[in-house]
Amino acid sequence: MAAITQHSTAKADFANPTTSQIIFIRKREVMRRTGLSSTGIYDLMARDLFPKSIKLAGGKAVAWLESDIGQWQKQCLANQAREAK
């Protein structure tokens, strides 16, 4: 197995991710990270308030991009900070 190294001078460009920066996370992990239920996730997705899932090979399994979930969490914090003012 090849080792993955990252140069300390290189900045990650998440707007244009490379294959090594793309991480899929499954629903159970999304639920753990967000504190949302399965129903809550799909409800927010239907209202365009949560990142859309991606169908994985085989067509039954779905996942989310880790970067999309992180961005959603940051947006939640930013919205809360704006409301607090």
PDB file of N, CA and C in Angstrom:
ATOM      1  N   MET A   1       0.839  -1.171   0.000  1.00  0.00           N
ATOM      2  CA  MET A   1       0.000   0.000   0.000  1.00  0.00           C
ATOM      3  C   MET A   1       0.886   1.235   0.000  1.00  0.00           C
ATOM      4  N   ALA A   2       0.625   2.154  -0.892  1.00  0.00           N
ATOM      5  CA  ALA A   2       1.450   3.348  -1.014  1.00  0.00           C
ATOM      6  C   ALA A   2       1.126   4.334   0.101  1.00  0.00           C
ATOM      7  N   ALA A   3       2.131   4.977   0.610  1.00  0.00           N
ATOM      8  CA  ALA A   3       1.937   5.994   1.640  1.00  0.00           C
ATOM      9  C   ALA A   3       1.505   7.295   0.993  1.00  0.00           C
ATOM     10  N   ILE A   4       0.623   8.001   1.661  1.00  0.00           N
ATOM     11  CA  ILE A   4       0.165   9.296   1.166  1.00  0.00           C
ATOM     12  C   ILE A   4       0.895  10.373   1.943  1.00  0.00           C
ATOM     13  N   THR A   5       1.547  11.245   1.228  1.00  0.00           N
ATOM     14  CA  THR A   5       2.250  12.339   1.879  1.00  0.00           C
ATOM     15  C   THR A   5       1.675  13.656   1.401  1.00  0.00           C
ATOM     16  N   GLN A   6       1.736  14.626   2.261  1.00  0.00           N
ATOM     17  CA  GLN A   6       1.259  15.953   1.906  1.00  0.00           C
ATOM     18  C   GLN A   6       2.376  16.937   2.200  1.00  0.00           C
ATOM     19  N   HIS A   7       2.654  17.770   1.238  1.00  0.00           N
ATOM     20  CA  HIS A   7       3.691  18.776   1.422  1.00  0.00           C
ATOM     21  C   HIS A   7       3.143  19.899   2.277  1.00  0.00           C
ATOM     22  N   SER A   8       3.916  20.333   3.253  1.00  0.00           N
ATOM     23  CA  SER A   8       3.439  21.353   4.182  1.00  0.00           C
ATOM     24  C   SER A   8       3.209  22.705   3.504  1.00  0.00           C
ATOM     25  N   THR A   9       3.833  22.941   2.363  1.00  0.00           N
ATOM     26  CA  THR A   9       3.653  24.218   1.677  1.00  0.00           C
ATOM     27  C   THR A   9       2.417  24.223   0.784  1.00  0.00           C
ATOM     28  N   ALA A  10       1.851  23.041   0.505  1.00  0.00           N
ATOM     29  CA  ALA A  10       0.684  22.965  -0.372  1.00  0.00           C
ATOM     30  C   ALA A  10      -0.586  23.198   0.428  1.00  0.00           C
ATOM     31  N   LYS A  11      -1.467  24.051  -0.101  1.00  0.00           N
ATOM     32  CA  LYS A  11      -2.755  24.283   0.524  1.00  0.00           C
ATOM     33  C   LYS A  11      -3.798  23.417  -0.173  1.00  0.00           C
ATOM     34  N   ALA A  12      -4.716  22.879   0.610  1.00  0.00           N
ATOM     35  CA  ALA A  12      -5.786  22.073   0.026  1.00  0.00           C
ATOM     36  C   ALA A  12      -6.775  22.993  -0.673  1.00  0.00           C
ATOM     37  N   ASP A  13      -7.138  22.637  -1.890  1.00  0.00           N
ATOM     38  CA  ASP A  13      -8.108  23.401  -2.663  1.00  0.00           C
ATOM     39  C   ASP A  13      -9.393  22.591  -2.718  1.00  0.00           C
ATOM     40  N   PHE A  14     -10.295  22.822  -1.756  1.00  0.00           N
ATOM     41  CA  PHE A  14     -11.508  22.021  -1.681  1.00  0.00           C
ATOM     42  C   PHE A  14     -12.534  22.422  -2.721  1.00  0.00           C
ATOM     43  N   ALA A  15     -12.364  23.543  -3.383  1.00  0.00           N
ATOM     44  CA  ALA A  15     -13.262  23.904  -4.474  1.00  0.00           C
ATOM     45  C   ALA A  15     -13.000  23.007  -5.676  1.00  0.00           C
ATOM     46  N   ASN A  16     -11.767  22.535  -5.819  1.00  0.00           N
ATOM     47  CA  ASN A  16     -11.375  21.629  -6.898  1.00  0.00           C
ATOM     48  C   ASN A  16     -10.630  20.451  -6.281  1.00  0.00           C
ATOM     49  N   PRO A  17     -11.363  19.556  -5.608  1.00  0.00           N
ATOM     50  CA  PRO A  17     -10.690  18.476  -4.890  1.00  0.00           C
ATOM     51  C   PRO A  17     -10.021  17.469  -5.811  1.00  0.00           C
ATOM     52  N   THR A  18      -8.889  16.980  -5.364  1.00  0.00           N
ATOM     53  CA  THR A  18      -8.240  15.886  -6.058  1.00  0.00           C
ATOM     54  C   THR A  18      -8.812  14.595  -5.487  1.00  0.00           C
ATOM     55  N   THR A  19      -8.521  13.491  -6.108  1.00  0.00           N
ATOM     56  CA  THR A  19      -9.045  12.217  -5.641  1.00  0.00           C
ATOM     57  C   THR A  19      -8.659  11.948  -4.191  1.00  0.00           C
ATOM     58  N   SER A  20      -7.465  12.346  -3.783  1.00  0.00           N
ATOM     59  CA  SER A  20      -7.025  12.094  -2.414  1.00  0.00           C
ATOM     60  C   SER A  20      -7.767  12.956  -1.392  1.00  0.00           C
ATOM     61  N   GLN A  21      -8.436  14.017  -1.830  1.00  0.00           N
ATOM     62  CA  GLN A  21      -9.178  14.885  -0.912  1.00  0.00           C
ATOM     63  C   GLN A  21     -10.659  14.528  -0.833  1.00  0.00           C
ATOM     64  N   ILE A  22     -11.140  13.651  -1.692  1.00  0.00           N
ATOM     65  CA  ILE A  22     -12.544  13.274  -1.712  1.00  0.00           C
ATOM     66  C   ILE A  22     -12.753  12.125  -0.739  1.00  0.00           C
ATOM     67  N   ILE A  23     -13.591  12.370   0.256  1.00  0.00           N
ATOM     68  CA  ILE A  23     -13.897  11.343   1.241  1.00  0.00           C
ATOM     69  C   ILE A  23     -15.409  11.223   1.325  1.00  0.00           C
ATOM     70  N   PHE A  24     -15.902  10.008   1.065  1.00  0.00           N
ATOM     71  CA  PHE A  24     -17.324   9.735   1.198  1.00  0.00           C
ATOM     72  C   PHE A  24     -17.599   9.270   2.619  1.00  0.00           C
ATOM     73  N   ILE A  25     -18.679   9.773   3.199  1.00  0.00           N
ATOM     74  CA  ILE A  25     -19.093   9.277   4.511  1.00  0.00           C
ATOM     75  C   ILE A  25     -20.527   8.781   4.403  1.00  0.00           C
ATOM     76  N   ARG A  26     -20.792   7.672   5.057  1.00  0.00           N
ATOM     77  CA  ARG A  26     -22.096   7.036   4.983  1.00  0.00           C
ATOM     78  C   ARG A  26     -23.061   7.672   5.976  1.00  0.00           C
ATOM     79  N   LYS A  27     -24.328   7.332   5.855  1.00  0.00           N
ATOM     80  CA  LYS A  27     -25.384   7.988   6.632  1.00  0.00           C
ATOM     81  C   LYS A  27     -25.161   7.899   8.140  1.00  0.00           C
ATOM     82  N   ARG A  28     -24.751   6.752   8.634  1.00  0.00           N
ATOM     83  CA  ARG A  28     -24.554   6.619  10.080  1.00  0.00           C
ATOM     84  C   ARG A  28     -23.517   7.627  10.587  1.00  0.00           C
ATOM     85  N   GLU A  29     -22.454   7.826   9.811  1.00  0.00           N
ATOM     86  CA  GLU A  29     -21.425   8.799  10.199  1.00  0.00           C
ATOM     87  C   GLU A  29     -21.942  10.222  10.068  1.00  0.00           C
ATOM     88  N   VAL A  30     -22.740  10.492   9.055  1.00  0.00           N
ATOM     89  CA  VAL A  30     -23.348  11.823   8.898  1.00  0.00           C
ATOM     90  C   VAL A  30     -24.248  12.111  10.101  1.00  0.00           C
ATOM     91  N   MET A  31     -25.023  11.124  10.503  1.00  0.00           N
ATOM     92  CA  MET A  31     -25.897  11.287  11.673  1.00  0.00           C
ATOM     93  C   MET A  31     -25.077  11.562  12.925  1.00  0.00           C
ATOM     94  N   ARG A  32     -23.979  10.837  13.090  1.00  0.00           N
ATOM     95  CA  ARG A  32     -23.121  11.032  14.263  1.00  0.00           C
ATOM     96  C   ARG A  32     -22.512  12.424  14.279  1.00  0.00           C
ATOM     97  N   ARG A  33     -22.036  12.876  13.115  1.00  0.00           N
ATOM     98  CA  ARG A  33     -21.357  14.176  13.049  1.00  0.00           C
ATOM     99  C   ARG A  33     -22.309  15.356  13.186  1.00  0.00           C
ATOM    100  N   THR A  34     -23.530  15.204  12.703  1.00  0.00           N
ATOM    101  CA  THR A  34     -24.469  16.332  12.702  1.00  0.00           C
ATOM    102  C   THR A  34     -25.452  16.310  13.862  1.00  0.00           C
ATOM    103  N   GLY A  35     -25.667  15.147  14.444  1.00  0.00           N
ATOM    104  CA  GLY A  35     -26.668  15.025  15.497  1.00  0.00           C
ATOM    105  C   GLY A  35     -28.089  14.921  14.947  1.00  0.00           C
ATOM    106  N   LEU A  36     -28.215  14.802  13.631  1.00  0.00           N
ATOM    107  CA  LEU A  36     -29.528  14.691  13.002  1.00  0.00           C
ATOM    108  C   LEU A  36     -29.946  13.239  12.891  1.00  0.00           C
ATOM    109  N   SER A  37     -31.261  13.013  12.904  1.00  0.00           N
ATOM    110  CA  SER A  37     -31.786  11.675  12.644  1.00  0.00           C
ATOM    111  C   SER A  37     -31.803  11.441  11.138  1.00  0.00           C
ATOM    112  N   SER A  38     -32.041  10.206  10.762  1.00  0.00           N
ATOM    113  CA  SER A  38     -32.156   9.877   9.340  1.00  0.00           C
ATOM    114  C   SER A  38     -33.292  10.676   8.705  1.00  0.00           C
ATOM    115  N   THR A  39     -34.429  10.723   9.380  1.00  0.00           N
ATOM    116  CA  THR A  39     -35.577  11.472   8.878  1.00  0.00           C
ATOM    117  C   THR A  39     -35.248  12.950   8.761  1.00  0.00           C
ATOM    118  N   GLY A  40     -34.529  13.476   9.749  1.00  0.00           N
ATOM    119  CA  GLY A  40     -34.139  14.886   9.724  1.00  0.00           C
ATOM    120  C   GLY A  40     -33.244  15.218   8.543  1.00  0.00           C
ATOM    121  N   ILE A  41     -32.311  14.331   8.247  1.00  0.00           N
ATOM    122  CA  ILE A  41     -31.407  14.533   7.115  1.00  0.00           C
ATOM    123  C   ILE A  41     -32.201  14.612   5.817  1.00  0.00           C
ATOM    124  N   TYR A  42     -33.087  13.619   5.601  1.00  0.00           N
ATOM    125  CA  TYR A  42     -33.841  13.575   4.347  1.00  0.00           C
ATOM    126  C   TYR A  42     -34.854  14.712   4.253  1.00  0.00           C
ATOM    127  N   ASP A  43     -35.404  15.135   5.388  1.00  0.00           N
ATOM    128  CA  ASP A  43     -36.316  16.284   5.389  1.00  0.00           C
ATOM    129  C   ASP A  43     -35.577  17.552   4.965  1.00  0.00           C
ATOM    130  N   LEU A  44     -34.409  17.792   5.546  1.00  0.00           N
ATOM    131  CA  LEU A  44     -33.618  18.968   5.179  1.00  0.00           C
ATOM    132  C   LEU A  44     -33.147  18.895   3.724  1.00  0.00           C
ATOM    133  N   MET A  45     -32.797  17.695   3.249  1.00  0.00           N
ATOM    134  CA  MET A  45     -32.397  17.537   1.846  1.00  0.00           C
ATOM    135  C   MET A  45     -33.556  17.908   0.921  1.00  0.00           C
ATOM    136  N   ALA A  46     -34.756  17.468   1.263  1.00  0.00           N
ATOM    137  CA  ALA A  46     -35.931  17.748   0.432  1.00  0.00           C
ATOM    138  C   ALA A  46     -36.223  19.243   0.366  1.00  0.00           C
ATOM    139  N   ARG A  47     -35.847  19.967   1.418  1.00  0.00           N
ATOM    140  CA  ARG A  47     -36.067  21.421   1.471  1.00  0.00           C
ATOM    141  C   ARG A  47     -34.827  22.192   1.013  1.00  0.00           C
ATOM    142  N   ASP A  48     -33.853  21.497   0.432  1.00  0.00           N
ATOM    143  CA  ASP A  48     -32.591  22.096  -0.040  1.00  0.00           C
ATOM    144  C   ASP A  48     -31.842  22.827   1.068  1.00  0.00           C
ATOM    145  N   LEU A  49     -31.903  22.276   2.278  1.00  0.00           N
ATOM    146  CA  LEU A  49     -31.203  22.863   3.416  1.00  0.00           C
ATOM    147  C   LEU A  49     -30.063  21.977   3.919  1.00  0.00           C
ATOM    148  N   PHE A  50     -29.775  20.914   3.173  1.00  0.00           N
ATOM    149  CA  PHE A  50     -28.722  19.972   3.557  1.00  0.00           C
ATOM    150  C   PHE A  50     -28.105  19.433   2.277  1.00  0.00           C
ATOM    151  N   PRO A  51     -26.803  19.118   2.294  1.00  0.00           N
ATOM    152  CA  PRO A  51     -26.161  18.588   1.082  1.00  0.00           C
ATOM    153  C   PRO A  51     -26.857  17.331   0.570  1.00  0.00           C
ATOM    154  N   LYS A  52     -26.919  17.197  -0.720  1.00  0.00           N
ATOM    155  CA  LYS A  52     -27.522  16.027  -1.351  1.00  0.00           C
ATOM    156  C   LYS A  52     -26.589  14.826  -1.226  1.00  0.00           C
ATOM    157  N   SER A  53     -27.189  13.664  -1.108  1.00  0.00           N
ATOM    158  CA  SER A  53     -26.412  12.432  -1.054  1.00  0.00           C
ATOM    159  C   SER A  53     -25.976  12.041  -2.462  1.00  0.00           C
ATOM    160  N   ILE A  54     -24.996  11.168  -2.519  1.00  0.00           N
ATOM    161  CA  ILE A  54     -24.439  10.676  -3.784  1.00  0.00           C
ATOM    162  C   ILE A  54     -24.665   9.176  -3.829  1.00  0.00           C
ATOM    163  N   LYS A  55     -25.239   8.682  -4.923  1.00  0.00           N
ATOM    164  CA  LYS A  55     -25.414   7.237  -5.078  1.00  0.00           C
ATOM    165  C   LYS A  55     -24.061   6.609  -5.395  1.00  0.00           C
ATOM    166  N   LEU A  56     -23.751   5.570  -4.654  1.00  0.00           N
ATOM    167  CA  LEU A  56     -22.505   4.850  -4.873  1.00  0.00           C
ATOM    168  C   LEU A  56     -22.735   3.708  -5.859  1.00  0.00           C
ATOM    169  N   ALA A  57     -21.668   3.120  -6.320  1.00  0.00           N
ATOM    170  CA  ALA A  57     -21.743   2.015  -7.279  1.00  0.00           C
ATOM    171  C   ALA A  57     -22.704   0.941  -6.775  1.00  0.00           C
ATOM    172  N   GLY A  58     -23.514   0.439  -7.651  1.00  0.00           N
ATOM    173  CA  GLY A  58     -24.494  -0.572  -7.280  1.00  0.00           C
ATOM    174  C   GLY A  58     -25.885   0.017  -7.150  1.00  0.00           C
ATOM    175  N   GLY A  59     -25.957   1.335  -6.916  1.00  0.00           N
ATOM    176  CA  GLY A  59     -27.230   2.039  -6.910  1.00  0.00           C
ATOM    177  C   GLY A  59     -28.019   2.028  -5.629  1.00  0.00           C
ATOM    178  N   LYS A  60     -27.659   1.207  -4.638  1.00  0.00           N
ATOM    179  CA  LYS A  60     -28.438   1.169  -3.395  1.00  0.00           C
ATOM    180  C   LYS A  60     -27.819   2.017  -2.291  1.00  0.00           C
ATOM    181  N   ALA A  61     -26.519   1.984  -2.187  1.00  0.00           N
ATOM    182  CA  ALA A  61     -25.825   2.696  -1.115  1.00  0.00           C
ATOM    183  C   ALA A  61     -25.653   4.172  -1.477  1.00  0.00           C
ATOM    184  N   VAL A  62     -25.785   5.021  -0.453  1.00  0.00           N
ATOM    185  CA  VAL A  62     -25.554   6.452  -0.646  1.00  0.00           C
ATOM    186  C   VAL A  62     -24.521   6.935   0.364  1.00  0.00           C
ATOM    187  N   ALA A  63     -23.913   8.056   0.043  1.00  0.00           N
ATOM    188  CA  ALA A  63     -22.926   8.678   0.924  1.00  0.00           C
ATOM    189  C   ALA A  63     -22.959  10.171   0.666  1.00  0.00           C
ATOM    190  N   TRP A  64     -22.257  10.907   1.500  1.00  0.00           N
ATOM    191  CA  TRP A  64     -22.120  12.345   1.357  1.00  0.00           C
ATOM    192  C   TRP A  64     -20.642  12.662   1.294  1.00  0.00           C
ATOM    193  N   LEU A  65     -20.307  13.757   0.646  1.00  0.00           N
ATOM    194  CA  LEU A  65     -18.929  14.220   0.656  1.00  0.00           C
ATOM    195  C   LEU A  65     -18.636  14.816   2.032  1.00  0.00           C
ATOM    196  N   GLU A  66     -17.538  14.393   2.612  1.00  0.00           N
ATOM    197  CA  GLU A  66     -17.151  14.913   3.923  1.00  0.00           C
ATOM    198  C   GLU A  66     -17.025  16.437   3.893  1.00  0.00           C
ATOM    199  N   SER A  67     -16.491  16.966   2.801  1.00  0.00           N
ATOM    200  CA  SER A  67     -16.324  18.416   2.683  1.00  0.00           C
ATOM    201  C   SER A  67     -17.668  19.136   2.646  1.00  0.00           C
ATOM    202  N   ASP A  68     -18.687  18.527   2.032  1.00  0.00           N
ATOM    203  CA  ASP A  68     -20.023  19.133   2.002  1.00  0.00           C
ATOM    204  C   ASP A  68     -20.633  19.194   3.397  1.00  0.00           C
ATOM    205  N   ILE A  69     -20.451  18.132   4.174  1.00  0.00           N
ATOM    206  CA  ILE A  69     -20.993  18.101   5.534  1.00  0.00           C
ATOM    207  C   ILE A  69     -20.268  19.127   6.405  1.00  0.00           C
ATOM    208  N   GLY A  70     -18.953  19.218   6.265  1.00  0.00           N
ATOM    209  CA  GLY A  70     -18.189  20.225   7.015  1.00  0.00           C
ATOM    210  C   GLY A  70     -18.614  21.637   6.665  1.00  0.00           C
ATOM    211  N   GLN A  71     -18.852  21.887   5.387  1.00  0.00           N
ATOM    212  CA  GLN A  71     -19.296  23.214   4.955  1.00  0.00           C
ATOM    213  C   GLN A  71     -20.678  23.528   5.512  1.00  0.00           C
ATOM    214  N   TRP A  72     -21.567  22.541   5.530  1.00  0.00           N
ATOM    215  CA  TRP A  72     -22.903  22.732   6.088  1.00  0.00           C
ATOM    216  C   TRP A  72     -22.813  23.085   7.574  1.00  0.00           C
ATOM    217  N   GLN A  73     -21.938  22.396   8.302  1.00  0.00           N
ATOM    218  CA  GLN A  73     -21.764  22.682   9.727  1.00  0.00           C
ATOM    219  C   GLN A  73     -21.248  24.105   9.945  1.00  0.00           C
ATOM    220  N   LYS A  74     -20.297  24.525   9.126  1.00  0.00           N
ATOM    221  CA  LYS A  74     -19.781  25.895   9.232  1.00  0.00           C
ATOM    222  C   LYS A  74     -20.878  26.912   8.941  1.00  0.00           C
ATOM    223  N   GLN A  75     -21.724  26.618   7.958  1.00  0.00           N
ATOM    224  CA  GLN A  75     -22.825  27.521   7.620  1.00  0.00           C
ATOM    225  C   GLN A  75     -23.824  27.618   8.773  1.00  0.00           C
ATOM    226  N   CYS A  76     -24.081  26.492   9.439  1.00  0.00           N
ATOM    227  CA  CYS A  76     -24.976  26.504  10.603  1.00  0.00           C
ATOM    228  C   CYS A  76     -24.424  27.423  11.694  1.00  0.00           C
ATOM    229  N   LEU A  77     -23.125  27.325  11.936  1.00  0.00           N
ATOM    230  CA  LEU A  77     -22.501  28.186  12.950  1.00  0.00           C
ATOM    231  C   LEU A  77     -22.560  29.655  12.549  1.00  0.00           C
ATOM    232  N   ALA A  78     -22.323  29.928  11.283  1.00  0.00           N
ATOM    233  CA  ALA A  78     -22.382  31.313  10.800  1.00  0.00           C
ATOM    234  C   ALA A  78     -23.798  31.862  10.919  1.00  0.00           C
ATOM    235  N   ASN A  79     -24.800  31.048  10.586  1.00  0.00           N
ATOM    236  CA  ASN A  79     -26.191  31.490  10.701  1.00  0.00           C
ATOM    237  C   ASN A  79     -26.553  31.770  12.150  1.00  0.00           C
ATOM    238  N   GLN A  80     -26.079  30.930  13.044  1.00  0.00           N
ATOM    239  CA  GLN A  80     -26.370  31.116  14.467  1.00  0.00           C
ATOM    240  C   GLN A  80     -25.721  32.396  14.984  1.00  0.00           C
ATOM    241  N   ALA A  81     -24.498  32.670  14.538  1.00  0.00           N
ATOM    242  CA  ALA A  81     -23.793  33.883  14.977  1.00  0.00           C
ATOM    243  C   ALA A  81     -24.524  35.132  14.471  1.00  0.00           C
ATOM    244  N   ARG A  82     -25.033  35.080  13.241  1.00  0.00           N
ATOM    245  CA  ARG A  82     -25.784  36.221  12.696  1.00  0.00           C
ATOM    246  C   ARG A  82     -27.078  36.457  13.449  1.00  0.00           C
ATOM    247  N   GLU A  83     -27.772  35.380  13.816  1.00  0.00           N
ATOM    248  CA  GLU A  83     -29.032  35.492  14.547  1.00  0.00           C
ATOM    249  C   GLU A  83     -28.825  36.012  15.954  1.00  0.00           C
ATOM    250  N   ALA A  84     -27.661  35.741  16.531  1.00  0.00           N
ATOM    251  CA  ALA A  84     -27.365  36.160  17.893  1.00  0.00           C
ATOM    252  C   ALA A  84     -27.105  37.671  17.991  1.00  0.00           C
ATOM    253  N   LYS A  85     -26.817  38.291  16.871  1.00  0.00           N
ATOM    254  CA  LYS A  85     -26.493  39.731  16.884  1.00  0.00           C
ATOM    255  C   LYS A  85     -27.731  40.564  16.929  1.00  0.00           C
TER     256      LYS A  85
END
